[in-house]
Amino acid sequence: MPDYSYEITAKQKGYSFVCGVDEAGRGPLAGPVCAAAVILPEGAVIEGLNDSKKLSEKKREALFDVVKETAIAWSVAFASVEEIEEHNILNATFIAMNRAIEGLQTKADFALVDGNRVPRDIKIPCQTVVKGDSLSMSIAAASILAKVTRDRLMLELDEKYPLYEFKKHKGYGTALHMDLIRKYGPSECHRPSFLKKL
């Protein structure tokens, strides 16, 4: 289960506001990529907080509000399909992460970033944490906000583009989704570079 070990280590080095950063939506064939940044009060207990991928949708939805109420600051940001196409998915993810960090109401002076890649153009010192959403409370909190926010956006896109049944697969490359793309062709919210094999 995640804890505050990484946050405490950063604070021992003199940093005051340590944010966790995570993304959702790097893999789907449609929709933007989303990132979140969260600064939690030191030692705050959020029951059941874990990597968003390990939790049910109902549990994520419940934790979404708890994280926002508990956090010192939180921010969610997107990089659009157009930005994914222009910059590639990795760089678009970095754009979303930087936007989330810069959108924090209380400015972070250190970031714990899920994964093994330092976001390009990040403006504050940071540490990458592989599987960070299972290790760091701040990153786990960010994973919840990013995943729930993106899923909610995909439900909005489902209403706009009902042919593709986004509510069922959230844009991921399921057999159903790929069959629907073959049947109807891509929409403007699909990522062309992700559809080359189709």
C-alpha atoms as a PDB file:
ATOM      1  CA  MET A   1       0.000   0.000   0.000  1.00  0.00           C
ATOM      2  CA  PRO A   2       1.215   3.544  -0.648  1.00  0.00           C
ATOM      3  CA  ASP A   3       2.656   5.608   2.199  1.00  0.00           C
ATOM      4  CA  TYR A   4       4.484   8.916   2.740  1.00  0.00           C
ATOM      5  CA  SER A   5       8.091   7.629   2.576  1.00  0.00           C
ATOM      6  CA  TYR A   6       8.936   9.519  -0.624  1.00  0.00           C
ATOM      7  CA  GLU A   7       7.233  12.692   0.553  1.00  0.00           C
ATOM      8  CA  ILE A   8       9.062  12.584   3.895  1.00  0.00           C
ATOM      9  CA  THR A   9      12.431  12.071   2.168  1.00  0.00           C
ATOM     10  CA  ALA A  10      11.798  15.102  -0.043  1.00  0.00           C
ATOM     11  CA  LYS A  11      10.832  17.227   2.963  1.00  0.00           C
ATOM     12  CA  GLN A  12      13.981  16.149   4.800  1.00  0.00           C
ATOM     13  CA  LYS A  13      15.881  17.669   1.870  1.00  0.00           C
ATOM     14  CA  GLY A  14      14.186  21.002   2.530  1.00  0.00           C
ATOM     15  CA  TYR A  15      11.156  20.950   0.229  1.00  0.00           C
ATOM     16  CA  SER A  16       7.865  22.201   1.669  1.00  0.00           C
ATOM     17  CA  PHE A  17       5.120  21.365  -0.834  1.00  0.00           C
ATOM     18  CA  VAL A  18       5.605  17.976  -2.479  1.00  0.00           C
ATOM     19  CA  CYS A  19       3.082  17.068  -5.160  1.00  0.00           C
ATOM     20  CA  GLY A  20       2.353  13.652  -6.601  1.00  0.00           C
ATOM     21  CA  VAL A  21       1.803  13.524 -10.366  1.00  0.00           C
ATOM     22  CA  ASP A  22       0.182  10.803 -12.474  1.00  0.00           C
ATOM     23  CA  GLU A  23      -1.587  10.439 -15.801  1.00  0.00           C
ATOM     24  CA  ALA A  24      -4.505   8.529 -17.269  1.00  0.00           C
ATOM     25  CA  GLY A  25      -5.195   7.766 -20.899  1.00  0.00           C
ATOM     26  CA  ARG A  26      -1.848   7.190 -22.567  1.00  0.00           C
ATOM     27  CA  GLY A  27      -3.014   3.957 -24.185  1.00  0.00           C
ATOM     28  CA  PRO A  28      -6.515   4.646 -25.582  1.00  0.00           C
ATOM     29  CA  LEU A  29      -7.315   5.118 -29.256  1.00  0.00           C
ATOM     30  CA  ALA A  30      -9.520   8.145 -28.546  1.00  0.00           C
ATOM     31  CA  GLY A  31      -9.748  11.180 -26.310  1.00  0.00           C
ATOM     32  CA  PRO A  32      -7.129  13.369 -24.630  1.00  0.00           C
ATOM     33  CA  VAL A  33      -4.527  12.310 -22.103  1.00  0.00           C
ATOM     34  CA  CYS A  34      -5.174  13.565 -18.580  1.00  0.00           C
ATOM     35  CA  ALA A  35      -2.768  14.330 -15.725  1.00  0.00           C
ATOM     36  CA  ALA A  36      -3.278  15.333 -12.112  1.00  0.00           C
ATOM     37  CA  ALA A  37      -1.069  16.854  -9.422  1.00  0.00           C
ATOM     38  CA  VAL A  38      -1.925  16.605  -5.715  1.00  0.00           C
ATOM     39  CA  ILE A  39      -0.328  18.013  -2.554  1.00  0.00           C
ATOM     40  CA  LEU A  40      -1.556  16.161   0.542  1.00  0.00           C
ATOM     41  CA  PRO A  41      -1.159  17.266   4.176  1.00  0.00           C
ATOM     42  CA  GLU A  42       1.651  15.326   5.796  1.00  0.00           C
ATOM     43  CA  GLY A  43       0.360  12.036   7.177  1.00  0.00           C
ATOM     44  CA  ALA A  44      -3.227  12.505   5.972  1.00  0.00           C
ATOM     45  CA  VAL A  45      -5.071   9.190   6.113  1.00  0.00           C
ATOM     46  CA  ILE A  46      -7.282   8.409   3.116  1.00  0.00           C
ATOM     47  CA  GLU A  47      -8.795   4.974   3.664  1.00  0.00           C
ATOM     48  CA  GLY A  48      -8.541   2.671   0.664  1.00  0.00           C
ATOM     49  CA  LEU A  49      -6.314   4.944  -1.414  1.00  0.00           C
ATOM     50  CA  ASN A  50      -4.272   2.909  -3.888  1.00  0.00           C
ATOM     51  CA  ASP A  51      -3.294   2.725  -7.543  1.00  0.00           C
ATOM     52  CA  SER A  52      -6.495   3.664  -9.397  1.00  0.00           C
ATOM     53  CA  LYS A  53      -6.131   0.646 -11.699  1.00  0.00           C
ATOM     54  CA  LYS A  54      -6.499  -1.671  -8.689  1.00  0.00           C
ATOM     55  CA  LEU A  55      -9.793  -0.111  -7.560  1.00  0.00           C
ATOM     56  CA  SER A  56     -13.348  -0.470  -8.817  1.00  0.00           C
ATOM     57  CA  GLU A  57     -14.976   2.438 -10.609  1.00  0.00           C
ATOM     58  CA  LYS A  58     -17.332   2.916  -7.650  1.00  0.00           C
ATOM     59  CA  LYS A  59     -14.393   3.074  -5.214  1.00  0.00           C
ATOM     60  CA  ARG A  60     -12.510   5.541  -7.443  1.00  0.00           C
ATOM     61  CA  GLU A  61     -15.559   7.788  -7.634  1.00  0.00           C
ATOM     62  CA  ALA A  62     -15.882   7.775  -3.828  1.00  0.00           C
ATOM     63  CA  LEU A  63     -12.177   8.526  -3.324  1.00  0.00           C
ATOM     64  CA  PHE A  64     -12.263  11.327  -5.921  1.00  0.00           C
ATOM     65  CA  ASP A  65     -14.185  13.642  -3.592  1.00  0.00           C
ATOM     66  CA  VAL A  66     -12.222  12.564  -0.504  1.00  0.00           C
ATOM     67  CA  VAL A  67      -8.908  13.358  -2.210  1.00  0.00           C
ATOM     68  CA  LYS A  68     -10.114  16.801  -3.290  1.00  0.00           C
ATOM     69  CA  GLU A  69     -11.440  17.603   0.203  1.00  0.00           C
ATOM     70  CA  THR A  70      -8.258  16.363   1.920  1.00  0.00           C
ATOM     71  CA  ALA A  71      -5.655  17.891  -0.384  1.00  0.00           C
ATOM     72  CA  ILE A  72      -3.828  21.146   0.324  1.00  0.00           C
ATOM     73  CA  ALA A  73      -4.015  21.675  -3.429  1.00  0.00           C
ATOM     74  CA  TRP A  74      -4.993  19.655  -6.489  1.00  0.00           C
ATOM     75  CA  SER A  75      -5.096  20.260 -10.216  1.00  0.00           C
ATOM     76  CA  VAL A  76      -6.156  18.309 -13.297  1.00  0.00           C
ATOM     77  CA  ALA A  77      -5.142  19.096 -16.879  1.00  0.00           C
ATOM     78  CA  PHE A  78      -5.364  17.625 -20.371  1.00  0.00           C
ATOM     79  CA  ALA A  79      -3.361  17.443 -23.550  1.00  0.00           C
ATOM     80  CA  SER A  80      -5.667  17.257 -26.557  1.00  0.00           C
ATOM     81  CA  VAL A  81      -5.837  14.737 -29.386  1.00  0.00           C
ATOM     82  CA  GLU A  82      -4.281  17.422 -31.615  1.00  0.00           C
ATOM     83  CA  GLU A  83      -1.371  17.801 -29.185  1.00  0.00           C
ATOM     84  CA  ILE A  84      -0.935  14.019 -29.029  1.00  0.00           C
ATOM     85  CA  GLU A  85      -0.719  13.946 -32.815  1.00  0.00           C
ATOM     86  CA  GLU A  86       1.668  16.902 -33.003  1.00  0.00           C
ATOM     87  CA  HIS A  87       4.039  15.982 -30.166  1.00  0.00           C
ATOM     88  CA  ASN A  88       3.498  12.176 -29.727  1.00  0.00           C
ATOM     89  CA  ILE A  89       1.836  10.604 -26.701  1.00  0.00           C
ATOM     90  CA  LEU A  90       4.858  10.741 -24.382  1.00  0.00           C
ATOM     91  CA  ASN A  91       5.458  14.453 -24.927  1.00  0.00           C
ATOM     92  CA  ALA A  92       1.724  15.182 -24.771  1.00  0.00           C
ATOM     93  CA  THR A  93       1.655  13.401 -21.404  1.00  0.00           C
ATOM     94  CA  PHE A  94       4.483  15.669 -20.218  1.00  0.00           C
ATOM     95  CA  ILE A  95       2.516  18.721 -21.408  1.00  0.00           C
ATOM     96  CA  ALA A  96      -0.511  17.588 -19.371  1.00  0.00           C
ATOM     97  CA  MET A  97       1.657  16.883 -16.319  1.00  0.00           C
ATOM     98  CA  ASN A  98       3.301  20.315 -16.466  1.00  0.00           C
ATOM     99  CA  ARG A  99      -0.102  21.974 -16.833  1.00  0.00           C
ATOM    100  CA  ALA A 100      -1.370  20.090 -13.782  1.00  0.00           C
ATOM    101  CA  ILE A 101       1.664  21.103 -11.692  1.00  0.00           C
ATOM    102  CA  GLU A 102       1.391  24.732 -12.791  1.00  0.00           C
ATOM    103  CA  GLY A 103      -2.357  24.721 -12.058  1.00  0.00           C
ATOM    104  CA  LEU A 104      -1.927  23.967  -8.352  1.00  0.00           C
ATOM    105  CA  GLN A 105      -3.431  26.701  -6.160  1.00  0.00           C
ATOM    106  CA  THR A 106      -0.574  26.223  -3.681  1.00  0.00           C
ATOM    107  CA  LYS A 107       2.613  26.001  -5.725  1.00  0.00           C
ATOM    108  CA  ALA A 108       4.620  22.805  -5.373  1.00  0.00           C
ATOM    109  CA  ASP A 109       8.397  23.033  -4.948  1.00  0.00           C
ATOM    110  CA  PHE A 110       9.020  19.321  -5.618  1.00  0.00           C
ATOM    111  CA  ALA A 111       7.231  16.669  -7.688  1.00  0.00           C
ATOM    112  CA  LEU A 112       7.010  12.906  -7.342  1.00  0.00           C
ATOM    113  CA  VAL A 113       6.185  11.642 -10.830  1.00  0.00           C
ATOM    114  CA  ASP A 114       4.805   8.189 -11.558  1.00  0.00           C
ATOM    115  CA  GLY A 115       6.957   6.203 -13.978  1.00  0.00           C
ATOM    116  CA  ASN A 116      10.579   6.374 -15.046  1.00  0.00           C
ATOM    117  CA  ARG A 117      10.641   9.452 -17.294  1.00  0.00           C
ATOM    118  CA  VAL A 118      11.263  12.993 -16.079  1.00  0.00           C
ATOM    119  CA  PRO A 119       8.688  15.268 -17.753  1.00  0.00           C
ATOM    120  CA  ARG A 120      10.310  17.489 -20.348  1.00  0.00           C
ATOM    121  CA  ASP A 121      10.258  21.206 -19.428  1.00  0.00           C
ATOM    122  CA  ILE A 122       9.244  20.558 -15.810  1.00  0.00           C
ATOM    123  CA  LYS A 123       9.945  23.732 -13.829  1.00  0.00           C
ATOM    124  CA  ILE A 124      10.537  22.271 -10.360  1.00  0.00           C
ATOM    125  CA  PRO A 125      12.860  19.552  -9.045  1.00  0.00           C
ATOM    126  CA  CYS A 126      11.344  16.104  -9.315  1.00  0.00           C
ATOM    127  CA  GLN A 127      11.859  12.412  -8.682  1.00  0.00           C
ATOM    128  CA  THR A 128      10.405   9.629 -10.804  1.00  0.00           C
ATOM    129  CA  VAL A 129       8.907   6.664  -8.959  1.00  0.00           C
ATOM    130  CA  VAL A 130       8.282   3.435 -10.855  1.00  0.00           C
ATOM    131  CA  LYS A 131       4.865   2.055  -9.831  1.00  0.00           C
ATOM    132  CA  GLY A 132       4.556   5.227  -7.783  1.00  0.00           C
ATOM    133  CA  ASP A 133       0.763   4.972  -7.626  1.00  0.00           C
ATOM    134  CA  SER A 134       1.273   1.862  -5.451  1.00  0.00           C
ATOM    135  CA  LEU A 135       4.052   3.422  -3.337  1.00  0.00           C
ATOM    136  CA  SER A 136       3.370   7.137  -2.783  1.00  0.00           C
ATOM    137  CA  MET A 137       0.172   8.523  -1.263  1.00  0.00           C
ATOM    138  CA  SER A 138       0.467  11.715  -3.302  1.00  0.00           C
ATOM    139  CA  ILE A 139       0.895   9.849  -6.581  1.00  0.00           C
ATOM    140  CA  ALA A 140      -1.948   7.454  -5.695  1.00  0.00           C
ATOM    141  CA  ALA A 141      -4.174  10.486  -5.043  1.00  0.00           C
ATOM    142  CA  ALA A 142      -3.171  11.987  -8.394  1.00  0.00           C
ATOM    143  CA  SER A 143      -3.920   8.681 -10.142  1.00  0.00           C
ATOM    144  CA  ILE A 144      -7.481   8.767  -8.772  1.00  0.00           C
ATOM    145  CA  LEU A 145      -8.119  12.340  -9.924  1.00  0.00           C
ATOM    146  CA  ALA A 146      -6.653  11.743 -13.384  1.00  0.00           C
ATOM    147  CA  LYS A 147      -8.501   8.475 -13.989  1.00  0.00           C
ATOM    148  CA  VAL A 148     -11.911   9.644 -12.758  1.00  0.00           C
ATOM    149  CA  THR A 149     -11.666  12.981 -14.588  1.00  0.00           C
ATOM    150  CA  ARG A 150     -10.773  11.298 -17.865  1.00  0.00           C
ATOM    151  CA  ASP A 151     -13.459   8.628 -17.486  1.00  0.00           C
ATOM    152  CA  ARG A 152     -16.056  11.348 -16.909  1.00  0.00           C
ATOM    153  CA  LEU A 153     -14.898  13.146 -20.045  1.00  0.00           C
ATOM    154  CA  MET A 154     -15.240   9.921 -22.034  1.00  0.00           C
ATOM    155  CA  LEU A 155     -18.835   9.627 -20.789  1.00  0.00           C
ATOM    156  CA  GLU A 156     -19.450  13.124 -22.198  1.00  0.00           C
ATOM    157  CA  LEU A 157     -17.890  12.037 -25.500  1.00  0.00           C
ATOM    158  CA  ASP A 158     -20.165   8.979 -25.437  1.00  0.00           C
ATOM    159  CA  GLU A 159     -23.165  11.312 -25.554  1.00  0.00           C
ATOM    160  CA  LYS A 160     -21.606  13.301 -28.401  1.00  0.00           C
ATOM    161  CA  TYR A 161     -20.474  10.224 -30.372  1.00  0.00           C
ATOM    162  CA  PRO A 162     -22.886   7.433 -29.358  1.00  0.00           C
ATOM    163  CA  LEU A 163     -21.866   5.170 -32.254  1.00  0.00           C
ATOM    164  CA  TYR A 164     -18.574   4.302 -30.546  1.00  0.00           C
ATOM    165  CA  GLU A 165     -19.966   3.300 -27.112  1.00  0.00           C
ATOM    166  CA  PHE A 166     -17.211   5.129 -25.218  1.00  0.00           C
ATOM    167  CA  LYS A 167     -19.021   4.513 -21.932  1.00  0.00           C
ATOM    168  CA  LYS A 168     -18.160   0.813 -22.246  1.00  0.00           C
ATOM    169  CA  HIS A 169     -14.438   1.044 -23.031  1.00  0.00           C
ATOM    170  CA  LYS A 170     -13.413   4.679 -22.311  1.00  0.00           C
ATOM    171  CA  GLY A 171     -11.597   4.829 -25.653  1.00  0.00           C
ATOM    172  CA  TYR A 172      -9.309   1.850 -25.069  1.00  0.00           C
ATOM    173  CA  GLY A 173      -8.639  -0.567 -27.924  1.00  0.00           C
ATOM    174  CA  THR A 174     -11.121  -3.284 -27.013  1.00  0.00           C
ATOM    175  CA  ALA A 175     -12.455  -5.651 -29.664  1.00  0.00           C
ATOM    176  CA  LEU A 176     -15.809  -3.836 -29.535  1.00  0.00           C
ATOM    177  CA  HIS A 177     -14.214  -0.426 -30.003  1.00  0.00           C
ATOM    178  CA  MET A 178     -12.058  -1.552 -32.918  1.00  0.00           C
ATOM    179  CA  ASP A 179     -15.051  -3.181 -34.609  1.00  0.00           C
ATOM    180  CA  LEU A 180     -17.002   0.078 -34.293  1.00  0.00           C
ATOM    181  CA  ILE A 181     -14.116   2.098 -35.770  1.00  0.00           C
ATOM    182  CA  ARG A 182     -13.950  -0.321 -38.715  1.00  0.00           C
ATOM    183  CA  LYS A 183     -17.712  -0.030 -39.167  1.00  0.00           C
ATOM    184  CA  TYR A 184     -18.104   3.747 -38.882  1.00  0.00           C
ATOM    185  CA  GLY A 185     -14.589   5.096 -39.448  1.00  0.00           C
ATOM    186  CA  PRO A 186     -12.821   7.283 -36.887  1.00  0.00           C
ATOM    187  CA  SER A 187     -14.373  10.350 -35.270  1.00  0.00           C
ATOM    188  CA  GLU A 188     -12.594  13.636 -34.675  1.00  0.00           C
ATOM    189  CA  CYS A 189     -11.832  12.534 -31.120  1.00  0.00           C
ATOM    190  CA  HIS A 190      -9.857   9.484 -32.275  1.00  0.00           C
ATOM    191  CA  ARG A 191      -6.047   9.594 -32.413  1.00  0.00           C
ATOM    192  CA  PRO A 192      -5.039   8.963 -36.052  1.00  0.00           C
ATOM    193  CA  SER A 193      -1.521   7.837 -35.166  1.00  0.00           C
ATOM    194  CA  PHE A 194      -2.998   5.143 -32.927  1.00  0.00           C
ATOM    195  CA  LEU A 195      -5.189   3.754 -35.702  1.00  0.00           C
ATOM    196  CA  LYS A 196      -2.508   2.904 -38.268  1.00  0.00           C
ATOM    197  CA  LYS A 197      -2.807  -0.834 -37.639  1.00  0.00           C
ATOM    198  CA  LEU A 198      -6.560  -0.599 -38.259  1.00  0.00           C
END
